[in-house]
């Protein structure tokens, strides 16, 4: 009996795990950028804050939708 998945299930899986992997990779890139530029503690904090705000907004949107039951 083959596993039958709907298009919605495949899309949710791809969005959840694919985007999670992409976010982790972007965090790694920010860390490498801070390390290679010798940004120091404060510079690294600023890099993560500024460059990570977009990712945080996307994660917050998902959490808010889940809390309000809009999914």
C-alpha atoms as a PDB file:
ATOM      1  CA  UNK A   1       0.000   0.000   0.000  1.00  0.00           C
ATOM      2  CA  UNK A   2       1.792   3.154  -1.171  1.00  0.00           C
ATOM      3  CA  UNK A   3       1.717   6.289   0.916  1.00  0.00           C
ATOM      4  CA  UNK A   4      -0.604   8.809  -0.713  1.00  0.00           C
ATOM      5  CA  UNK A   5       0.051  12.436   0.066  1.00  0.00           C
ATOM      6  CA  UNK A   6      -2.015  15.380  -1.014  1.00  0.00           C
ATOM      7  CA  UNK A   7      -0.503  18.457  -2.586  1.00  0.00           C
ATOM      8  CA  UNK A   8      -1.254  20.401   0.588  1.00  0.00           C
ATOM      9  CA  UNK A   9       0.650  17.892   2.754  1.00  0.00           C
ATOM     10  CA  UNK A  10       3.660  17.984   0.441  1.00  0.00           C
ATOM     11  CA  UNK A  11       3.613  21.790   0.425  1.00  0.00           C
ATOM     12  CA  UNK A  12       3.401  21.969   4.230  1.00  0.00           C
ATOM     13  CA  UNK A  13       6.253  19.496   4.584  1.00  0.00           C
ATOM     14  CA  UNK A  14       8.421  21.407   2.117  1.00  0.00           C
ATOM     15  CA  UNK A  15       7.648  24.756   3.676  1.00  0.00           C
ATOM     16  CA  UNK A  16       8.245  23.548   7.231  1.00  0.00           C
ATOM     17  CA  UNK A  17      11.445  21.578   6.756  1.00  0.00           C
ATOM     18  CA  UNK A  18      12.816  23.375   3.713  1.00  0.00           C
ATOM     19  CA  UNK A  19      12.417  26.796   5.241  1.00  0.00           C
ATOM     20  CA  UNK A  20      13.743  25.614   8.606  1.00  0.00           C
ATOM     21  CA  UNK A  21      16.862  24.344   6.870  1.00  0.00           C
ATOM     22  CA  UNK A  22      17.215  27.607   4.972  1.00  0.00           C
ATOM     23  CA  UNK A  23      16.895  29.637   8.181  1.00  0.00           C
ATOM     24  CA  UNK A  24      19.578  27.522   9.871  1.00  0.00           C
ATOM     25  CA  UNK A  25      21.834  28.000   6.853  1.00  0.00           C
ATOM     26  CA  UNK A  26      21.282  31.779   6.944  1.00  0.00           C
ATOM     27  CA  UNK A  27      22.199  31.829  10.648  1.00  0.00           C
ATOM     28  CA  UNK A  28      25.383  29.970   9.769  1.00  0.00           C
ATOM     29  CA  UNK A  29      26.141  32.551   7.055  1.00  0.00           C
ATOM     30  CA  UNK A  30      25.629  35.424   9.527  1.00  0.00           C
ATOM     31  CA  UNK A  31      27.932  33.704  12.030  1.00  0.00           C
ATOM     32  CA  UNK A  32      30.621  33.190   9.337  1.00  0.00           C
ATOM     33  CA  UNK A  33      30.273  36.821   8.246  1.00  0.00           C
ATOM     34  CA  UNK A  34      30.767  38.012  11.828  1.00  0.00           C
ATOM     35  CA  UNK A  35      33.729  35.701  12.366  1.00  0.00           C
ATOM     36  CA  UNK A  36      35.483  36.486   9.078  1.00  0.00           C
ATOM     37  CA  UNK A  37      35.053  40.240   9.531  1.00  0.00           C
ATOM     38  CA  UNK A  38      36.294  40.062  13.155  1.00  0.00           C
ATOM     39  CA  UNK A  39      33.196  41.979  14.230  1.00  0.00           C
ATOM     40  CA  UNK A  40      33.615  41.398  17.958  1.00  0.00           C
ATOM     41  CA  UNK A  41      30.811  40.707  20.396  1.00  0.00           C
ATOM     42  CA  UNK A  42      28.792  43.847  19.799  1.00  0.00           C
ATOM     43  CA  UNK A  43      29.230  43.676  16.027  1.00  0.00           C
ATOM     44  CA  UNK A  44      28.125  40.048  16.006  1.00  0.00           C
ATOM     45  CA  UNK A  45      25.084  40.962  18.073  1.00  0.00           C
ATOM     46  CA  UNK A  46      24.181  43.757  15.647  1.00  0.00           C
ATOM     47  CA  UNK A  47      24.612  41.448  12.642  1.00  0.00           C
ATOM     48  CA  UNK A  48      22.370  38.794  14.143  1.00  0.00           C
ATOM     49  CA  UNK A  49      19.821  41.406  15.232  1.00  0.00           C
ATOM     50  CA  UNK A  50      19.580  43.236  11.924  1.00  0.00           C
ATOM     51  CA  UNK A  51      19.944  40.317   9.532  1.00  0.00           C
ATOM     52  CA  UNK A  52      17.868  37.987  11.679  1.00  0.00           C
ATOM     53  CA  UNK A  53      14.831  40.267  11.999  1.00  0.00           C
ATOM     54  CA  UNK A  54      13.384  39.090   8.689  1.00  0.00           C
ATOM     55  CA  UNK A  55      13.577  35.463   9.778  1.00  0.00           C
ATOM     56  CA  UNK A  56      12.089  36.331  13.145  1.00  0.00           C
ATOM     57  CA  UNK A  57       9.184  38.098  11.463  1.00  0.00           C
ATOM     58  CA  UNK A  58       8.430  35.064   9.326  1.00  0.00           C
ATOM     59  CA  UNK A  59       8.538  32.745  12.353  1.00  0.00           C
ATOM     60  CA  UNK A  60       6.340  35.137  14.361  1.00  0.00           C
ATOM     61  CA  UNK A  61       3.797  35.231  11.537  1.00  0.00           C
ATOM     62  CA  UNK A  62       3.498  31.434  11.658  1.00  0.00           C
ATOM     63  CA  UNK A  63       3.123  31.406  15.441  1.00  0.00           C
ATOM     64  CA  UNK A  64       0.487  34.162  15.394  1.00  0.00           C
ATOM     65  CA  UNK A  65      -1.500  32.356  12.695  1.00  0.00           C
ATOM     66  CA  UNK A  66      -1.328  29.149  14.747  1.00  0.00           C
ATOM     67  CA  UNK A  67      -2.434  30.912  17.958  1.00  0.00           C
ATOM     68  CA  UNK A  68      -5.384  32.571  16.232  1.00  0.00           C
ATOM     69  CA  UNK A  69      -6.376  29.316  14.549  1.00  0.00           C
ATOM     70  CA  UNK A  70      -6.125  30.720  11.041  1.00  0.00           C
ATOM     71  CA  UNK A  71      -4.493  27.630   9.535  1.00  0.00           C
END
